[in-house]
Full PDB file with SEQRES, HELIX, SHEET, SSBOND, CRYST1, ORIGX, SCALE, CONECT and MASTER records, all heavy atoms in Angstrom:
SEQRES   1 A   39  ALA VAL ARG GLY LEU HIS ARG PHE ALA VAL HIS ASP GLY          
SEQRES   2 A   39  LEU VAL GLY GLU ASP VAL ALA ARG GLY VAL THR PRO PRO          
SEQRES   3 A   39  ALA LEU PRO LYS ARG LEU PRO LYS ALA LEU SER ILE ASP          
HELIX    1 AA1 VAL A    2  HIS A   11  1                                  10    
CRYST1    1.000    1.000    1.000  90.00  90.00  90.00 P 1           1          
ORIGX1      1.000000  0.000000  0.000000        0.00000                         
ORIGX2      0.000000  1.000000  0.000000        0.00000                         
ORIGX3      0.000000  0.000000  1.000000        0.00000                         
SCALE1      1.000000  0.000000  0.000000        0.00000                         
SCALE2      0.000000  1.000000  0.000000        0.00000                         
SCALE3      0.000000  0.000000  1.000000        0.00000                         
ATOM      1  N   ALA A   1       0.832  -1.202   0.000  1.00  0.00           N  
ATOM      2  CA  ALA A   1       0.000   0.000   0.000  1.00  0.00           C  
ATOM      3  C   ALA A   1       0.868   1.255   0.000  1.00  0.00           C  
ATOM      4  O   ALA A   1       0.600   2.216  -0.737  1.00  0.00           O  
ATOM      5  CB  ALA A   1      -0.928  -0.011   1.212  1.00  0.00           C  
ATOM      6  N   VAL A   2       1.914   1.231   0.807  1.00  0.00           N  
ATOM      7  CA  VAL A   2       2.805   2.393   0.905  1.00  0.00           C  
ATOM      8  C   VAL A   2       3.561   2.606  -0.406  1.00  0.00           C  
ATOM      9  O   VAL A   2       3.680   3.742  -0.893  1.00  0.00           O  
ATOM     10  CB  VAL A   2       3.792   2.207   2.076  1.00  0.00           C  
ATOM     11  CG1 VAL A   2       4.882   3.280   2.046  1.00  0.00           C  
ATOM     12  CG2 VAL A   2       3.041   2.245   3.407  1.00  0.00           C  
ATOM     13  N   ARG A   3       4.043   1.534  -0.990  1.00  0.00           N  
ATOM     14  CA  ARG A   3       4.755   1.670  -2.268  1.00  0.00           C  
ATOM     15  C   ARG A   3       3.817   2.168  -3.358  1.00  0.00           C  
ATOM     16  O   ARG A   3       4.208   2.960  -4.219  1.00  0.00           O  
ATOM     17  CB  ARG A   3       5.387   0.340  -2.643  1.00  0.00           C  
ATOM     18  CG  ARG A   3       6.538  -0.052  -1.732  1.00  0.00           C  
ATOM     19  CD  ARG A   3       7.144  -1.383  -2.110  1.00  0.00           C  
ATOM     20  NE  ARG A   3       7.752  -1.350  -3.437  1.00  0.00           N  
ATOM     21  CZ  ARG A   3       8.489  -2.330  -3.941  1.00  0.00           C  
ATOM     22  NH1 ARG A   3       8.688  -3.438  -3.234  1.00  0.00           N  
ATOM     23  NH2 ARG A   3       9.021  -2.241  -5.131  1.00  0.00           N  
ATOM     24  N   GLY A   4       2.570   1.689  -3.316  1.00  0.00           N  
ATOM     25  CA  GLY A   4       1.592   2.169  -4.283  1.00  0.00           C  
ATOM     26  C   GLY A   4       1.330   3.658  -4.120  1.00  0.00           C  
ATOM     27  O   GLY A   4       1.189   4.407  -5.102  1.00  0.00           O  
ATOM     28  N   LEU A   5       1.264   4.111  -2.872  1.00  0.00           N  
ATOM     29  CA  LEU A   5       1.058   5.535  -2.592  1.00  0.00           C  
ATOM     30  C   LEU A   5       2.184   6.376  -3.178  1.00  0.00           C  
ATOM     31  O   LEU A   5       1.936   7.380  -3.868  1.00  0.00           O  
ATOM     32  CB  LEU A   5       0.975   5.749  -1.077  1.00  0.00           C  
ATOM     33  CG  LEU A   5       1.065   7.206  -0.598  1.00  0.00           C  
ATOM     34  CD1 LEU A   5      -0.163   8.003  -1.039  1.00  0.00           C  
ATOM     35  CD2 LEU A   5       1.234   7.256   0.923  1.00  0.00           C  
ATOM     36  N   HIS A   6       3.424   5.996  -2.906  1.00  0.00           N  
ATOM     37  CA  HIS A   6       4.560   6.787  -3.381  1.00  0.00           C  
ATOM     38  C   HIS A   6       4.686   6.736  -4.902  1.00  0.00           C  
ATOM     39  O   HIS A   6       5.037   7.748  -5.535  1.00  0.00           O  
ATOM     40  CB  HIS A   6       5.846   6.305  -2.707  1.00  0.00           C  
ATOM     41  CG  HIS A   6       5.994   6.793  -1.295  1.00  0.00           C  
ATOM     42  ND1 HIS A   6       6.509   8.021  -0.982  1.00  0.00           N  
ATOM     43  CD2 HIS A   6       5.669   6.205  -0.108  1.00  0.00           C  
ATOM     44  CE1 HIS A   6       6.511   8.189   0.336  1.00  0.00           C  
ATOM     45  NE2 HIS A   6       6.006   7.096   0.887  1.00  0.00           N  
ATOM     46  N   ARG A   7       4.412   5.593  -5.486  1.00  0.00           N  
ATOM     47  CA  ARG A   7       4.452   5.490  -6.949  1.00  0.00           C  
ATOM     48  C   ARG A   7       3.397   6.398  -7.572  1.00  0.00           C  
ATOM     49  O   ARG A   7       3.653   7.081  -8.570  1.00  0.00           O  
ATOM     50  CB  ARG A   7       4.237   4.032  -7.350  1.00  0.00           C  
ATOM     51  CG  ARG A   7       4.413   3.758  -8.835  1.00  0.00           C  
ATOM     52  CD  ARG A   7       4.538   2.263  -9.112  1.00  0.00           C  
ATOM     53  NE  ARG A   7       3.382   1.526  -8.594  1.00  0.00           N  
ATOM     54  CZ  ARG A   7       3.454   0.663  -7.587  1.00  0.00           C  
ATOM     55  NH1 ARG A   7       4.617   0.441  -6.982  1.00  0.00           N  
ATOM     56  NH2 ARG A   7       2.383   0.011  -7.183  1.00  0.00           N  
ATOM     57  N   PHE A   8       2.194   6.398  -6.989  1.00  0.00           N  
ATOM     58  CA  PHE A   8       1.118   7.264  -7.476  1.00  0.00           C  
ATOM     59  C   PHE A   8       1.502   8.736  -7.325  1.00  0.00           C  
ATOM     60  O   PHE A   8       1.245   9.563  -8.218  1.00  0.00           O  
ATOM     61  CB  PHE A   8      -0.164   6.969  -6.686  1.00  0.00           C  
ATOM     62  CG  PHE A   8      -1.216   8.030  -6.813  1.00  0.00           C  
ATOM     63  CD1 PHE A   8      -2.021   8.094  -7.942  1.00  0.00           C  
ATOM     64  CD2 PHE A   8      -1.405   8.963  -5.798  1.00  0.00           C  
ATOM     65  CE1 PHE A   8      -3.003   9.088  -8.064  1.00  0.00           C  
ATOM     66  CE2 PHE A   8      -2.373   9.948  -5.912  1.00  0.00           C  
ATOM     67  CZ  PHE A   8      -3.176  10.019  -7.047  1.00  0.00           C  
ATOM     68  N   ALA A   9       2.105   9.073  -6.185  1.00  0.00           N  
ATOM     69  CA  ALA A   9       2.459  10.472  -5.925  1.00  0.00           C  
ATOM     70  C   ALA A   9       3.453  11.005  -6.948  1.00  0.00           C  
ATOM     71  O   ALA A   9       3.355  12.160  -7.382  1.00  0.00           O  
ATOM     72  CB  ALA A   9       3.020  10.606  -4.508  1.00  0.00           C  
ATOM     73  N   VAL A  10       4.391  10.156  -7.358  1.00  0.00           N  
ATOM     74  CA  VAL A  10       5.350  10.568  -8.386  1.00  0.00           C  
ATOM     75  C   VAL A  10       4.640  10.730  -9.729  1.00  0.00           C  
ATOM     76  O   VAL A  10       4.823  11.727 -10.441  1.00  0.00           O  
ATOM     77  CB  VAL A  10       6.496   9.539  -8.500  1.00  0.00           C  
ATOM     78  CG1 VAL A  10       7.372   9.835  -9.718  1.00  0.00           C  
ATOM     79  CG2 VAL A  10       7.341   9.558  -7.236  1.00  0.00           C  
ATOM     80  N   HIS A  11       3.830   9.735 -10.070  1.00  0.00           N  
ATOM     81  CA  HIS A  11       3.124   9.759 -11.349  1.00  0.00           C  
ATOM     82  C   HIS A  11       2.188  10.964 -11.458  1.00  0.00           C  
ATOM     83  O   HIS A  11       2.005  11.539 -12.535  1.00  0.00           O  
ATOM     84  CB  HIS A  11       2.323   8.459 -11.532  1.00  0.00           C  
ATOM     85  CG  HIS A  11       1.616   8.375 -12.847  1.00  0.00           C  
ATOM     86  ND1 HIS A  11       0.319   8.818 -13.029  1.00  0.00           N  
ATOM     87  CD2 HIS A  11       2.017   7.903 -14.067  1.00  0.00           C  
ATOM     88  CE1 HIS A  11      -0.045   8.621 -14.282  1.00  0.00           C  
ATOM     89  NE2 HIS A  11       0.965   8.061 -14.930  1.00  0.00           N  
ATOM     90  N   ASP A  12       1.591  11.345 -10.334  1.00  0.00           N  
ATOM     91  CA  ASP A  12       0.637  12.459 -10.335  1.00  0.00           C  
ATOM     92  C   ASP A  12       1.301  13.810 -10.102  1.00  0.00           C  
ATOM     93  O   ASP A  12       0.603  14.821  -9.997  1.00  0.00           O  
ATOM     94  CB  ASP A  12      -0.432  12.228  -9.253  1.00  0.00           C  
ATOM     95  CG  ASP A  12      -1.844  12.441  -9.788  1.00  0.00           C  
ATOM     96  OD1 ASP A  12      -2.100  12.017 -10.939  1.00  0.00           O  
ATOM     97  OD2 ASP A  12      -2.678  13.022  -9.074  1.00  0.00           O  
ATOM     98  N   GLY A  13       2.609  13.821  -9.995  1.00  0.00           N  
ATOM     99  CA  GLY A  13       3.328  15.083  -9.840  1.00  0.00           C  
ATOM    100  C   GLY A  13       3.274  15.683  -8.462  1.00  0.00           C  
ATOM    101  O   GLY A  13       3.569  16.864  -8.282  1.00  0.00           O  
ATOM    102  N   LEU A  14       2.917  14.872  -7.456  1.00  0.00           N  
ATOM    103  CA  LEU A  14       2.838  15.388  -6.092  1.00  0.00           C  
ATOM    104  C   LEU A  14       4.209  15.466  -5.436  1.00  0.00           C  
ATOM    105  O   LEU A  14       4.446  16.317  -4.583  1.00  0.00           O  
ATOM    106  CB  LEU A  14       1.902  14.520  -5.251  1.00  0.00           C  
ATOM    107  CG  LEU A  14       0.459  14.385  -5.764  1.00  0.00           C  
ATOM    108  CD1 LEU A  14      -0.344  13.454  -4.871  1.00  0.00           C  
ATOM    109  CD2 LEU A  14      -0.200  15.763  -5.848  1.00  0.00           C  
ATOM    110  N   VAL A  15       5.099  14.534  -5.811  1.00  0.00           N  
ATOM    111  CA  VAL A  15       6.480  14.534  -5.315  1.00  0.00           C  
ATOM    112  C   VAL A  15       7.382  14.211  -6.498  1.00  0.00           C  
ATOM    113  O   VAL A  15       6.926  13.733  -7.545  1.00  0.00           O  
ATOM    114  CB  VAL A  15       6.684  13.486  -4.183  1.00  0.00           C  
ATOM    115  CG1 VAL A  15       5.835  13.814  -2.968  1.00  0.00           C  
ATOM    116  CG2 VAL A  15       6.386  12.088  -4.684  1.00  0.00           C  
ATOM    117  N   GLY A  16       8.660  14.439  -6.303  1.00  0.00           N  
ATOM    118  CA  GLY A  16       9.572  14.239  -7.410  1.00  0.00           C  
ATOM    119  C   GLY A  16      10.318  12.924  -7.413  1.00  0.00           C  
ATOM    120  O   GLY A  16      10.945  12.555  -8.403  1.00  0.00           O  
ATOM    121  N   GLU A  17      10.267  12.183  -6.293  1.00  0.00           N  
ATOM    122  CA  GLU A  17      11.062  10.953  -6.186  1.00  0.00           C  
ATOM    123  C   GLU A  17      10.268   9.865  -5.478  1.00  0.00           C  
ATOM    124  O   GLU A  17       9.555  10.145  -4.507  1.00  0.00           O  
ATOM    125  CB  GLU A  17      12.346  11.243  -5.395  1.00  0.00           C  
ATOM    126  CG  GLU A  17      13.248  10.039  -5.233  1.00  0.00           C  
ATOM    127  CD  GLU A  17      14.438  10.337  -4.324  1.00  0.00           C  
ATOM    128  OE1 GLU A  17      14.533  11.488  -3.825  1.00  0.00           O  
ATOM    129  OE2 GLU A  17      15.252   9.424  -4.088  1.00  0.00           O  
ATOM    130  N   ASP A  18      10.397   8.649  -5.994  1.00  0.00           N  
ATOM    131  CA  ASP A  18       9.744   7.489  -5.362  1.00  0.00           C  
ATOM    132  C   ASP A  18      10.712   6.896  -4.340  1.00  0.00           C  
ATOM    133  O   ASP A  18      11.555   6.059  -4.676  1.00  0.00           O  
ATOM    134  CB  ASP A  18       9.363   6.450  -6.420  1.00  0.00           C  
ATOM    135  CG  ASP A  18       8.601   5.274  -5.827  1.00  0.00           C  
ATOM    136  OD1 ASP A  18       8.436   5.225  -4.591  1.00  0.00           O  
ATOM    137  OD2 ASP A  18       8.178   4.390  -6.597  1.00  0.00           O  
ATOM    138  N   VAL A  19      10.574   7.324  -3.093  1.00  0.00           N  
ATOM    139  CA  VAL A  19      11.528   6.894  -2.063  1.00  0.00           C  
ATOM    140  C   VAL A  19      11.218   5.493  -1.539  1.00  0.00           C  
ATOM    141  O   VAL A  19      12.024   4.912  -0.803  1.00  0.00           O  
ATOM    142  CB  VAL A  19      11.524   7.881  -0.874  1.00  0.00           C  
ATOM    143  CG1 VAL A  19      12.005   9.248  -1.332  1.00  0.00           C  
ATOM    144  CG2 VAL A  19      10.148   7.971  -0.235  1.00  0.00           C  
ATOM    145  N   ALA A  20      10.080   4.925  -1.897  1.00  0.00           N  
ATOM    146  CA  ALA A  20       9.707   3.590  -1.408  1.00  0.00           C  
ATOM    147  C   ALA A  20      10.073   2.488  -2.385  1.00  0.00           C  
ATOM    148  O   ALA A  20       9.948   1.308  -2.059  1.00  0.00           O  
ATOM    149  CB  ALA A  20       8.211   3.541  -1.116  1.00  0.00           C  
ATOM    150  N   ARG A  21      10.545   2.871  -3.564  1.00  0.00           N  
ATOM    151  CA  ARG A  21      10.783   1.874  -4.612  1.00  0.00           C  
ATOM    152  C   ARG A  21      11.792   0.813  -4.198  1.00  0.00           C  
ATOM    153  O   ARG A  21      11.651  -0.363  -4.533  1.00  0.00           O  
ATOM    154  CB  ARG A  21      11.248   2.565  -5.894  1.00  0.00           C  
ATOM    155  CG  ARG A  21      11.446   1.624  -7.069  1.00  0.00           C  
ATOM    156  CD  ARG A  21      11.774   2.412  -8.328  1.00  0.00           C  
ATOM    157  NE  ARG A  21      12.969   3.234  -8.150  1.00  0.00           N  
ATOM    158  CZ  ARG A  21      13.457   4.043  -9.085  1.00  0.00           C  
ATOM    159  NH1 ARG A  21      12.818   4.179 -10.246  1.00  0.00           N  
ATOM    160  NH2 ARG A  21      14.548   4.752  -8.858  1.00  0.00           N  
ATOM    161  N   GLY A  22      12.824   1.211  -3.466  1.00  0.00           N  
ATOM    162  CA  GLY A  22      13.883   0.269  -3.108  1.00  0.00           C  
ATOM    163  C   GLY A  22      13.650  -0.496  -1.825  1.00  0.00           C  
ATOM    164  O   GLY A  22      14.485  -1.316  -1.427  1.00  0.00           O  
ATOM    165  N   VAL A  23      12.522  -0.243  -1.153  1.00  0.00           N  
ATOM    166  CA  VAL A  23      12.231  -0.935   0.108  1.00  0.00           C  
ATOM    167  C   VAL A  23      11.553  -2.265  -0.194  1.00  0.00           C  
ATOM    168  O   VAL A  23      10.535  -2.299  -0.891  1.00  0.00           O  
ATOM    169  CB  VAL A  23      11.334  -0.076   1.029  1.00  0.00           C  
ATOM    170  CG1 VAL A  23      11.081  -0.805   2.340  1.00  0.00           C  
ATOM    171  CG2 VAL A  23      11.978   1.282   1.279  1.00  0.00           C  
ATOM    172  N   THR A  24      12.111  -3.338   0.315  1.00  0.00           N  
ATOM    173  CA  THR A  24      11.586  -4.669   0.014  1.00  0.00           C  
ATOM    174  C   THR A  24      10.730  -5.181   1.173  1.00  0.00           C  
ATOM    175  O   THR A  24      10.988  -4.857   2.331  1.00  0.00           O  
ATOM    176  CB  THR A  24      12.720  -5.673  -0.250  1.00  0.00           C  
ATOM    177  OG1 THR A  24      13.600  -5.694   0.885  1.00  0.00           O  
ATOM    178  CG2 THR A  24      13.511  -5.275  -1.480  1.00  0.00           C  
ATOM    179  N   PRO A  25       9.737  -5.995   0.866  1.00  0.00           N  
ATOM    180  CA  PRO A  25       8.881  -6.540   1.925  1.00  0.00           C  
ATOM    181  C   PRO A  25       9.620  -7.565   2.756  1.00  0.00           C  
ATOM    182  O   PRO A  25      10.619  -8.144   2.293  1.00  0.00           O  
ATOM    183  CB  PRO A  25       7.723  -7.183   1.146  1.00  0.00           C  
ATOM    184  CG  PRO A  25       8.316  -7.516  -0.190  1.00  0.00           C  
ATOM    185  CD  PRO A  25       9.312  -6.431  -0.472  1.00  0.00           C  
ATOM    186  N   PRO A  26       9.169  -7.831   3.961  1.00  0.00           N  
ATOM    187  CA  PRO A  26       9.805  -8.861   4.792  1.00  0.00           C  
ATOM    188  C   PRO A  26       9.639 -10.233   4.160  1.00  0.00           C  
ATOM    189  O   PRO A  26       8.638 -10.511   3.495  1.00  0.00           O  
ATOM    190  CB  PRO A  26       9.050  -8.769   6.123  1.00  0.00           C  
ATOM    191  CG  PRO A  26       7.725  -8.170   5.763  1.00  0.00           C  
ATOM    192  CD  PRO A  26       8.005  -7.223   4.632  1.00  0.00           C  
ATOM    193  N   ALA A  27      10.630 -11.073   4.348  1.00  0.00           N  
ATOM    194  CA  ALA A  27      10.570 -12.416   3.772  1.00  0.00           C  
ATOM    195  C   ALA A  27       9.448 -13.211   4.427  1.00  0.00           C  
ATOM    196  O   ALA A  27       9.313 -13.221   5.660  1.00  0.00           O  
ATOM    197  CB  ALA A  27      11.903 -13.130   3.973  1.00  0.00           C  
ATOM    198  N   LEU A  28       8.640 -13.841   3.600  1.00  0.00           N  
ATOM    199  CA  LEU A  28       7.571 -14.680   4.132  1.00  0.00           C  
ATOM    200  C   LEU A  28       8.160 -15.990   4.627  1.00  0.00           C  
ATOM    201  O   LEU A  28       9.064 -16.545   3.997  1.00  0.00           O  
ATOM    202  CB  LEU A  28       6.527 -14.961   3.042  1.00  0.00           C  
ATOM    203  CG  LEU A  28       5.782 -13.735   2.523  1.00  0.00           C  
ATOM    204  CD1 LEU A  28       4.842 -14.138   1.394  1.00  0.00           C  
ATOM    205  CD2 LEU A  28       4.996 -13.068   3.639  1.00  0.00           C  
ATOM    206  N   PRO A  29       7.701 -16.488   5.753  1.00  0.00           N  
ATOM    207  CA  PRO A  29       8.243 -17.749   6.266  1.00  0.00           C  
ATOM    208  C   PRO A  29       7.936 -18.897   5.323  1.00  0.00           C  
ATOM    209  O   PRO A  29       6.846 -18.973   4.745  1.00  0.00           O  
ATOM    210  CB  PRO A  29       7.495 -17.937   7.604  1.00  0.00           C  
ATOM    211  CG  PRO A  29       6.242 -17.133   7.455  1.00  0.00           C  
ATOM    212  CD  PRO A  29       6.603 -15.973   6.586  1.00  0.00           C  
ATOM    213  N   LYS A  30       8.905 -19.765   5.143  1.00  0.00           N  
ATOM    214  CA  LYS A  30       8.693 -20.920   4.284  1.00  0.00           C  
ATOM    215  C   LYS A  30       7.792 -21.928   4.989  1.00  0.00           C  
ATOM    216  O   LYS A  30       8.027 -22.275   6.140  1.00  0.00           O  
ATOM    217  CB  LYS A  30      10.040 -21.580   3.936  1.00  0.00           C  
ATOM    218  CG  LYS A  30      10.940 -20.704   3.088  1.00  0.00           C  
ATOM    219  CD  LYS A  30      12.227 -21.426   2.738  1.00  0.00           C  
ATOM    220  CE  LYS A  30      13.106 -20.573   1.832  1.00  0.00           C  
ATOM    221  NZ  LYS A  30      14.383 -21.258   1.508  1.00  0.00           N  
ATOM    222  N   ARG A  31       6.790 -22.344   4.270  1.00  0.00           N  
ATOM    223  CA  ARG A  31       5.899 -23.329   4.846  1.00  0.00           C  
ATOM    224  C   ARG A  31       6.561 -24.704   4.808  1.00  0.00           C  
ATOM    225  O   ARG A  31       7.107 -25.113   3.794  1.00  0.00           O  
ATOM    226  CB  ARG A  31       4.580 -23.379   4.059  1.00  0.00           C  
ATOM    227  CG  ARG A  31       3.756 -22.106   4.193  1.00  0.00           C  
ATOM    228  CD  ARG A  31       2.425 -22.263   3.491  1.00  0.00           C  
ATOM    229  NE  ARG A  31       1.605 -21.072   3.661  1.00  0.00           N  
ATOM    230  CZ  ARG A  31       0.383 -20.934   3.160  1.00  0.00           C  
ATOM    231  NH1 ARG A  31      -0.147 -21.916   2.444  1.00  0.00           N  
ATOM    232  NH2 ARG A  31      -0.305 -19.832   3.361  1.00  0.00           N  
ATOM    233  N   LEU A  32       6.498 -25.361   5.936  1.00  0.00           N  
ATOM    234  CA  LEU A  32       7.096 -26.684   5.999  1.00  0.00           C  
ATOM    235  C   LEU A  32       6.261 -27.662   5.181  1.00  0.00           C  
ATOM    236  O   LEU A  32       5.041 -27.673   5.264  1.00  0.00           O  
ATOM    237  CB  LEU A  32       7.167 -27.160   7.449  1.00  0.00           C  
ATOM    238  CG  LEU A  32       8.051 -26.333   8.372  1.00  0.00           C  
ATOM    239  CD1 LEU A  32       7.993 -26.887   9.783  1.00  0.00           C  
ATOM    240  CD2 LEU A  32       9.472 -26.308   7.880  1.00  0.00           C  
ATOM    241  N   PRO A  33       6.922 -28.464   4.359  1.00  0.00           N  
ATOM    242  CA  PRO A  33       6.177 -29.424   3.549  1.00  0.00           C  
ATOM    243  C   PRO A  33       5.533 -30.502   4.406  1.00  0.00           C  
ATOM    244  O   PRO A  33       6.049 -30.881   5.443  1.00  0.00           O  
ATOM    245  CB  PRO A  33       7.264 -30.024   2.636  1.00  0.00           C  
ATOM    246  CG  PRO A  33       8.541 -29.818   3.385  1.00  0.00           C  
ATOM    247  CD  PRO A  33       8.368 -28.525   4.126  1.00  0.00           C  
ATOM    248  N   LYS A  34       4.386 -30.973   3.961  1.00  0.00           N  
ATOM    249  CA  LYS A  34       3.693 -32.046   4.650  1.00  0.00           C  
ATOM    250  C   LYS A  34       4.297 -33.373   4.235  1.00  0.00           C  
ATOM    251  O   LYS A  34       4.476 -33.646   3.054  1.00  0.00           O  
ATOM    252  CB  LYS A  34       2.200 -32.025   4.304  1.00  0.00           C  
ATOM    253  CG  LYS A  34       1.490 -30.739   4.709  1.00  0.00           C  
ATOM    254  CD  LYS A  34       1.252 -30.689   6.194  1.00  0.00           C  
ATOM    255  CE  LYS A  34       0.411 -29.470   6.561  1.00  0.00           C  
ATOM    256  NZ  LYS A  34       0.126 -29.385   8.000  1.00  0.00           N  
ATOM    257  N   ALA A  35       4.614 -34.205   5.181  1.00  0.00           N  
ATOM    258  CA  ALA A  35       5.171 -35.522   4.882  1.00  0.00           C  
ATOM    259  C   ALA A  35       4.337 -36.589   5.562  1.00  0.00           C  
ATOM    260  O   ALA A  35       3.921 -36.430   6.717  1.00  0.00           O  
ATOM    261  CB  ALA A  35       6.626 -35.611   5.352  1.00  0.00           C  
ATOM    262  N   LEU A  36       4.088 -37.660   4.854  1.00  0.00           N  
ATOM    263  CA  LEU A  36       3.378 -38.790   5.428  1.00  0.00           C  
ATOM    264  C   LEU A  36       4.341 -39.621   6.262  1.00  0.00           C  
ATOM    265  O   LEU A  36       5.557 -39.597   6.044  1.00  0.00           O  
ATOM    266  CB  LEU A  36       2.790 -39.663   4.318  1.00  0.00           C  
ATOM    267  CG  LEU A  36       1.871 -38.990   3.294  1.00  0.00           C  
ATOM    268  CD1 LEU A  36       1.477 -39.994   2.209  1.00  0.00           C  
ATOM    269  CD2 LEU A  36       0.647 -38.423   3.968  1.00  0.00           C  
ATOM    270  N   SER A  37       3.810 -40.386   7.191  1.00  0.00           N  
ATOM    271  CA  SER A  37       4.635 -41.337   7.921  1.00  0.00           C  
ATOM    272  C   SER A  37       4.991 -42.495   6.984  1.00  0.00           C  
ATOM    273  O   SER A  37       4.390 -42.645   5.905  1.00  0.00           O  
ATOM    274  CB  SER A  37       3.879 -41.876   9.141  1.00  0.00           C  
ATOM    275  OG  SER A  37       2.779 -42.671   8.709  1.00  0.00           O  
ATOM    276  N   ILE A  38       5.954 -43.308   7.396  1.00  0.00           N  
ATOM    277  CA  ILE A  38       6.338 -44.460   6.574  1.00  0.00           C  
ATOM    278  C   ILE A  38       5.151 -45.405   6.394  1.00  0.00           C  
ATOM    279  O   ILE A  38       4.910 -45.929   5.293  1.00  0.00           O  
ATOM    280  CB  ILE A  38       7.541 -45.187   7.196  1.00  0.00           C  
ATOM    281  CG1 ILE A  38       8.770 -44.264   7.176  1.00  0.00           C  
ATOM    282  CG2 ILE A  38       7.837 -46.489   6.455  1.00  0.00           C  
ATOM    283  CD1 ILE A  38       9.991 -44.837   7.863  1.00  0.00           C  
ATOM    284  N   ASP A  39       4.389 -45.608   7.459  1.00  0.00           N  
ATOM    285  CA  ASP A  39       3.207 -46.473   7.356  1.00  0.00           C  
ATOM    286  C   ASP A  39       2.189 -45.903   6.382  1.00  0.00           C  
ATOM    287  O   ASP A  39       1.552 -46.645   5.619  1.00  0.00           O  
ATOM    288  CB  ASP A  39       2.564 -46.651   8.737  1.00  0.00           C  
ATOM    289  CG  ASP A  39       3.382 -47.556   9.649  1.00  0.00           C  
ATOM    290  OD1 ASP A  39       4.245 -48.298   9.124  1.00  0.00           O  
ATOM    291  OD2 ASP A  39       3.166 -47.517  10.880  1.00  0.00           O  
TER     292      ASP A  39                                                      
MASTER        0    0    0    1    0    0    0    6  291    1    0    3          
END                                                                             
């Protein structure tokens, strides 16, 4: 949402620089794969 705001602000001429462009989202935790028992 924040990156969308800053991108829009640049496109609409409200600000001159997209300062959020280089900020990356937090890494999502890897979901552990489901494994069946040997039986």
